[in-house]
């Protein structure tokens, strides 16, 4: 079996500009597109958010941020409808502001 080091072997012979271009290319390949939510799904998610706020339930909020899906666990403490964001206290007791347009899902824990 051949023990090849893959791209590590060749990066020392490449120009720094080419290494940067390859890194950018691989990062671009990993980016995702934001899922489109229809109005009914959006309403169901925000109904769940309002219920979680009212009953102080712990939630796992699915968000789309920086071209990636992510999840934030915690308790919703505020919904600001005028400026279109919600405020969460995460599991590690940090405050996080999440704009409405980043929310793609909700699960009550």
N, C-alpha and C. Protein backbone atom coordinates (compact mmCIF):
# COMPACT_ATOMS: atom_id res chain seq x y z
N UNK A 1 0.84 -1.18 0.00
CA UNK A 1 0.00 0.00 0.00
C UNK A 1 0.89 1.24 0.00
N UNK A 2 0.56 2.19 -0.83
CA UNK A 2 1.32 3.43 -0.96
C UNK A 2 0.85 4.43 0.09
N UNK A 3 1.77 4.96 0.87
CA UNK A 3 1.42 5.93 1.92
C UNK A 3 1.70 7.33 1.38
N UNK A 4 0.76 7.84 0.61
CA UNK A 4 0.89 9.16 0.01
C UNK A 4 0.33 10.21 0.97
N UNK A 5 0.94 11.37 1.01
CA UNK A 5 0.50 12.43 1.90
C UNK A 5 -0.54 13.34 1.25
N UNK A 6 -0.99 13.04 0.07
CA UNK A 6 -2.03 13.82 -0.59
C UNK A 6 -1.58 15.23 -0.92
N UNK A 7 -2.42 16.21 -0.62
CA UNK A 7 -2.10 17.60 -0.97
C UNK A 7 -0.99 18.17 -0.11
N UNK A 8 -0.73 17.60 1.05
CA UNK A 8 0.35 18.10 1.91
C UNK A 8 1.68 18.00 1.18
N UNK A 9 1.84 16.94 0.42
CA UNK A 9 3.07 16.70 -0.33
C UNK A 9 3.33 17.81 -1.34
N UNK A 10 2.28 18.33 -1.96
CA UNK A 10 2.44 19.27 -3.06
C UNK A 10 2.37 20.73 -2.65
N UNK A 11 1.85 21.05 -1.47
CA UNK A 11 1.69 22.45 -1.10
C UNK A 11 3.02 23.17 -0.94
N UNK A 12 4.09 22.46 -0.59
CA UNK A 12 5.39 23.13 -0.46
C UNK A 12 5.94 23.57 -1.80
N UNK A 13 5.47 22.97 -2.89
CA UNK A 13 5.96 23.34 -4.22
C UNK A 13 5.00 24.30 -4.93
N UNK A 14 3.97 24.75 -4.25
CA UNK A 14 2.99 25.65 -4.86
C UNK A 14 3.22 27.07 -4.39
N UNK A 15 2.84 28.01 -5.23
CA UNK A 15 2.92 29.41 -4.85
C UNK A 15 1.85 29.71 -3.79
N UNK A 16 2.11 30.65 -2.88
CA UNK A 16 1.12 30.99 -1.85
C UNK A 16 -0.22 31.43 -2.44
N UNK A 17 -0.18 32.09 -3.60
CA UNK A 17 -1.43 32.52 -4.23
C UNK A 17 -2.27 31.32 -4.66
N UNK A 18 -1.60 30.28 -5.14
CA UNK A 18 -2.32 29.08 -5.58
C UNK A 18 -2.90 28.33 -4.38
N UNK A 19 -2.15 28.29 -3.28
CA UNK A 19 -2.65 27.63 -2.07
C UNK A 19 -3.89 28.37 -1.57
N UNK A 20 -3.86 29.71 -1.59
CA UNK A 20 -5.01 30.50 -1.15
C UNK A 20 -6.21 30.26 -2.07
N UNK A 21 -5.96 30.20 -3.37
CA UNK A 21 -7.05 29.95 -4.32
C UNK A 21 -7.68 28.58 -4.08
N UNK A 22 -6.86 27.56 -3.82
CA UNK A 22 -7.40 26.23 -3.54
C UNK A 22 -8.21 26.23 -2.25
N UNK A 23 -7.70 26.92 -1.23
CA UNK A 23 -8.43 27.00 0.04
C UNK A 23 -9.78 27.68 -0.16
N UNK A 24 -9.79 28.79 -0.89
CA UNK A 24 -11.05 29.50 -1.18
C UNK A 24 -12.00 28.62 -1.96
N UNK A 25 -11.47 27.85 -2.91
CA UNK A 25 -12.29 26.96 -3.73
C UNK A 25 -12.97 25.92 -2.85
N UNK A 26 -12.20 25.28 -1.95
CA UNK A 26 -12.79 24.26 -1.09
C UNK A 26 -13.81 24.85 -0.12
N UNK A 27 -13.56 26.06 0.38
CA UNK A 27 -14.54 26.71 1.25
C UNK A 27 -15.82 27.02 0.50
N UNK A 28 -15.69 27.44 -0.75
CA UNK A 28 -16.87 27.75 -1.57
C UNK A 28 -17.67 26.49 -1.87
N UNK A 29 -16.99 25.37 -2.03
CA UNK A 29 -17.69 24.11 -2.31
C UNK A 29 -18.51 23.66 -1.10
N UNK A 30 -18.07 24.01 0.13
CA UNK A 30 -18.77 23.60 1.34
C UNK A 30 -19.96 24.48 1.67
N UNK A 31 -20.09 25.63 1.01
CA UNK A 31 -21.19 26.54 1.31
C UNK A 31 -22.51 25.94 0.85
N UNK A 32 -23.53 26.24 1.61
CA UNK A 32 -24.87 25.75 1.32
C UNK A 32 -25.75 26.91 0.88
N UNK A 33 -26.86 26.58 0.27
CA UNK A 33 -27.84 27.61 -0.07
C UNK A 33 -28.92 27.61 1.01
N UNK A 34 -29.45 28.78 1.27
CA UNK A 34 -30.47 28.92 2.31
C UNK A 34 -31.76 28.25 1.84
N UNK A 35 -32.34 27.39 2.68
CA UNK A 35 -33.60 26.76 2.30
C UNK A 35 -34.73 27.79 2.27
N UNK A 36 -35.59 27.65 1.30
CA UNK A 36 -36.74 28.55 1.17
C UNK A 36 -37.90 28.03 2.01
N UNK A 37 -38.41 28.87 2.88
CA UNK A 37 -39.57 28.51 3.71
C UNK A 37 -40.83 29.11 3.11
N UNK A 38 -41.85 28.29 2.97
CA UNK A 38 -43.12 28.85 2.52
C UNK A 38 -43.80 29.54 3.70
N UNK A 39 -44.84 30.28 3.41
CA UNK A 39 -45.50 31.09 4.44
C UNK A 39 -46.09 30.25 5.56
N UNK A 40 -46.63 29.08 5.23
CA UNK A 40 -47.23 28.21 6.23
C UNK A 40 -46.16 27.68 7.20
N UNK A 41 -45.01 27.27 6.67
CA UNK A 41 -43.93 26.77 7.52
C UNK A 41 -43.39 27.88 8.41
N UNK A 42 -43.24 29.08 7.84
CA UNK A 42 -42.78 30.24 8.59
C UNK A 42 -43.73 30.54 9.75
N UNK A 43 -45.04 30.49 9.49
CA UNK A 43 -46.04 30.73 10.53
C UNK A 43 -45.98 29.68 11.64
N UNK A 44 -45.76 28.42 11.26
CA UNK A 44 -45.68 27.34 12.25
C UNK A 44 -44.45 27.53 13.15
N UNK A 45 -43.33 27.92 12.55
CA UNK A 45 -42.11 28.14 13.33
C UNK A 45 -42.33 29.26 14.33
N UNK A 46 -42.91 30.38 13.89
CA UNK A 46 -43.09 31.51 14.79
C UNK A 46 -44.20 31.30 15.80
N UNK A 47 -45.13 30.46 15.50
CA UNK A 47 -46.12 30.07 16.51
C UNK A 47 -45.41 29.28 17.62
N UNK A 48 -44.51 28.39 17.24
CA UNK A 48 -43.72 27.65 18.21
C UNK A 48 -42.80 28.55 19.02
N UNK A 49 -42.23 29.57 18.38
CA UNK A 49 -41.37 30.53 19.08
C UNK A 49 -42.17 31.31 20.11
N UNK A 50 -43.37 31.76 19.74
CA UNK A 50 -44.21 32.50 20.67
C UNK A 50 -44.62 31.62 21.86
N UNK A 51 -44.93 30.38 21.58
CA UNK A 51 -45.31 29.45 22.64
C UNK A 51 -44.12 29.18 23.58
N UNK A 52 -42.93 29.02 23.00
CA UNK A 52 -41.73 28.78 23.81
C UNK A 52 -41.42 30.00 24.69
N UNK A 53 -41.65 31.20 24.17
CA UNK A 53 -41.44 32.41 24.96
C UNK A 53 -42.45 32.47 26.11
N UNK A 54 -43.70 32.19 25.81
CA UNK A 54 -44.76 32.28 26.82
C UNK A 54 -44.54 31.28 27.96
N UNK A 55 -44.15 30.05 27.65
CA UNK A 55 -44.00 29.01 28.66
C UNK A 55 -42.54 28.79 29.09
N UNK A 56 -41.63 29.65 28.63
CA UNK A 56 -40.20 29.58 28.98
C UNK A 56 -39.62 28.19 28.74
N UNK A 57 -39.93 27.66 27.55
CA UNK A 57 -39.44 26.33 27.19
C UNK A 57 -38.06 26.43 26.56
N UNK A 58 -37.25 25.40 26.78
CA UNK A 58 -35.94 25.33 26.16
C UNK A 58 -36.13 24.83 24.72
N UNK A 59 -35.49 25.52 23.77
CA UNK A 59 -35.66 25.17 22.36
C UNK A 59 -34.31 24.95 21.69
N UNK A 60 -34.36 24.25 20.59
CA UNK A 60 -33.21 24.08 19.70
C UNK A 60 -33.60 24.79 18.40
N UNK A 61 -33.08 25.99 18.23
CA UNK A 61 -33.44 26.84 17.10
C UNK A 61 -32.48 26.58 15.96
N UNK A 62 -33.00 26.20 14.80
CA UNK A 62 -32.18 25.97 13.61
C UNK A 62 -32.06 27.28 12.86
N UNK A 63 -30.82 27.70 12.60
CA UNK A 63 -30.60 28.97 11.90
C UNK A 63 -29.67 28.75 10.72
N UNK A 64 -29.71 29.70 9.79
CA UNK A 64 -28.82 29.69 8.63
C UNK A 64 -28.00 30.96 8.69
N UNK A 65 -26.70 30.80 9.00
CA UNK A 65 -25.83 31.95 9.23
C UNK A 65 -24.49 31.70 8.56
N UNK A 66 -23.99 32.69 7.84
CA UNK A 66 -22.70 32.61 7.14
C UNK A 66 -22.65 31.41 6.19
N UNK A 67 -23.71 31.23 5.42
CA UNK A 67 -23.82 30.16 4.42
C UNK A 67 -23.72 28.76 5.01
N UNK A 68 -24.10 28.60 6.25
CA UNK A 68 -24.09 27.29 6.91
C UNK A 68 -25.30 27.16 7.82
N UNK A 69 -25.74 25.93 7.96
CA UNK A 69 -26.80 25.64 8.94
C UNK A 69 -26.16 25.52 10.30
N UNK A 70 -26.86 26.01 11.30
CA UNK A 70 -26.35 25.95 12.66
C UNK A 70 -27.53 25.77 13.60
N UNK A 71 -27.25 25.49 14.84
CA UNK A 71 -28.30 25.29 15.81
C UNK A 71 -27.92 26.01 17.10
N UNK A 72 -28.90 26.65 17.72
CA UNK A 72 -28.69 27.37 18.97
C UNK A 72 -29.69 26.82 19.98
N UNK A 73 -29.16 26.34 21.10
CA UNK A 73 -30.03 25.80 22.16
C UNK A 73 -30.11 26.81 23.29
N UNK A 74 -31.31 27.00 23.78
CA UNK A 74 -31.49 27.93 24.89
C UNK A 74 -32.95 28.30 25.09
N UNK A 75 -33.16 29.42 25.79
CA UNK A 75 -34.50 29.91 26.10
C UNK A 75 -34.70 31.26 25.43
N UNK A 76 -35.82 31.41 24.74
CA UNK A 76 -36.14 32.68 24.08
C UNK A 76 -36.62 33.66 25.15
N UNK A 77 -36.00 34.84 25.20
CA UNK A 77 -36.34 35.81 26.24
C UNK A 77 -37.08 37.03 25.70
N UNK A 78 -36.98 37.29 24.39
CA UNK A 78 -37.63 38.49 23.84
C UNK A 78 -37.86 38.30 22.35
N UNK A 79 -39.00 38.78 21.87
CA UNK A 79 -39.28 38.85 20.44
C UNK A 79 -39.54 40.31 20.11
N UNK A 80 -38.75 40.90 19.23
CA UNK A 80 -38.93 42.29 18.80
C UNK A 80 -39.47 42.26 17.37
N UNK A 81 -40.77 42.54 17.24
CA UNK A 81 -41.42 42.47 15.93
C UNK A 81 -41.07 43.66 15.04
N UNK A 82 -40.84 44.84 15.62
CA UNK A 82 -40.54 46.03 14.81
C UNK A 82 -39.18 45.90 14.13
N UNK A 83 -38.17 45.45 14.88
CA UNK A 83 -36.83 45.33 14.31
C UNK A 83 -36.54 43.92 13.81
N UNK A 84 -37.50 43.02 13.92
CA UNK A 84 -37.46 41.67 13.36
C UNK A 84 -36.28 40.83 13.87
N UNK A 85 -36.20 40.69 15.19
CA UNK A 85 -35.20 39.78 15.76
C UNK A 85 -35.75 39.19 17.05
N UNK A 86 -35.10 38.12 17.51
CA UNK A 86 -35.44 37.56 18.81
C UNK A 86 -34.16 37.42 19.62
N UNK A 87 -34.29 37.44 20.91
CA UNK A 87 -33.17 37.37 21.83
C UNK A 87 -33.25 36.06 22.58
N UNK A 88 -32.13 35.33 22.62
CA UNK A 88 -32.08 34.04 23.31
C UNK A 88 -31.00 34.05 24.37
N UNK A 89 -31.25 33.33 25.44
CA UNK A 89 -30.21 33.03 26.42
C UNK A 89 -29.80 31.60 26.14
N UNK A 90 -28.56 31.42 25.67
CA UNK A 90 -28.11 30.10 25.25
C UNK A 90 -27.80 29.22 26.46
N UNK A 91 -27.50 27.97 26.19
CA UNK A 91 -27.21 27.00 27.25
C UNK A 91 -26.01 27.40 28.10
N UNK A 92 -25.06 28.11 27.50
CA UNK A 92 -23.89 28.56 28.27
C UNK A 92 -24.08 29.97 28.83
N UNK A 93 -25.34 30.40 28.99
CA UNK A 93 -25.73 31.67 29.63
C UNK A 93 -25.23 32.91 28.89
N UNK A 94 -25.14 32.83 27.58
CA UNK A 94 -24.77 33.98 26.75
C UNK A 94 -26.04 34.49 26.07
N UNK A 95 -26.08 35.79 25.79
CA UNK A 95 -27.20 36.38 25.06
C UNK A 95 -26.88 36.35 23.57
N UNK A 96 -27.83 35.94 22.75
CA UNK A 96 -27.64 35.89 21.31
C UNK A 96 -28.83 36.53 20.63
N UNK A 97 -28.55 37.47 19.73
CA UNK A 97 -29.59 38.12 18.94
C UNK A 97 -29.67 37.41 17.59
N UNK A 98 -30.87 36.98 17.22
CA UNK A 98 -31.06 36.24 15.98
C UNK A 98 -32.11 36.94 15.13
N UNK A 99 -31.73 37.43 13.94
CA UNK A 99 -32.72 38.04 13.05
C UNK A 99 -33.73 37.01 12.56
N UNK A 100 -34.95 37.45 12.30
CA UNK A 100 -36.01 36.56 11.84
C UNK A 100 -35.62 35.82 10.56
N UNK A 101 -34.93 36.51 9.65
CA UNK A 101 -34.64 35.89 8.35
C UNK A 101 -33.58 34.79 8.43
N UNK A 102 -32.94 34.60 9.59
CA UNK A 102 -31.98 33.51 9.75
C UNK A 102 -32.63 32.23 10.27
N UNK A 103 -33.83 32.33 10.81
CA UNK A 103 -34.51 31.17 11.41
C UNK A 103 -35.05 30.26 10.32
N UNK A 104 -34.68 28.95 10.40
CA UNK A 104 -35.18 27.98 9.42
C UNK A 104 -35.87 26.79 10.07
N UNK A 105 -35.85 26.71 11.40
CA UNK A 105 -36.52 25.59 12.07
C UNK A 105 -36.53 25.76 13.57
N UNK A 106 -37.35 24.96 14.24
CA UNK A 106 -37.49 25.04 15.68
C UNK A 106 -37.85 23.66 16.22
N UNK A 107 -37.23 23.31 17.34
CA UNK A 107 -37.55 22.06 18.01
C UNK A 107 -37.57 22.34 19.51
N UNK A 108 -38.66 22.00 20.17
CA UNK A 108 -38.77 22.19 21.61
C UNK A 108 -38.08 21.00 22.28
N UNK A 109 -37.16 21.31 23.19
CA UNK A 109 -36.36 20.27 23.85
C UNK A 109 -37.04 19.78 25.09
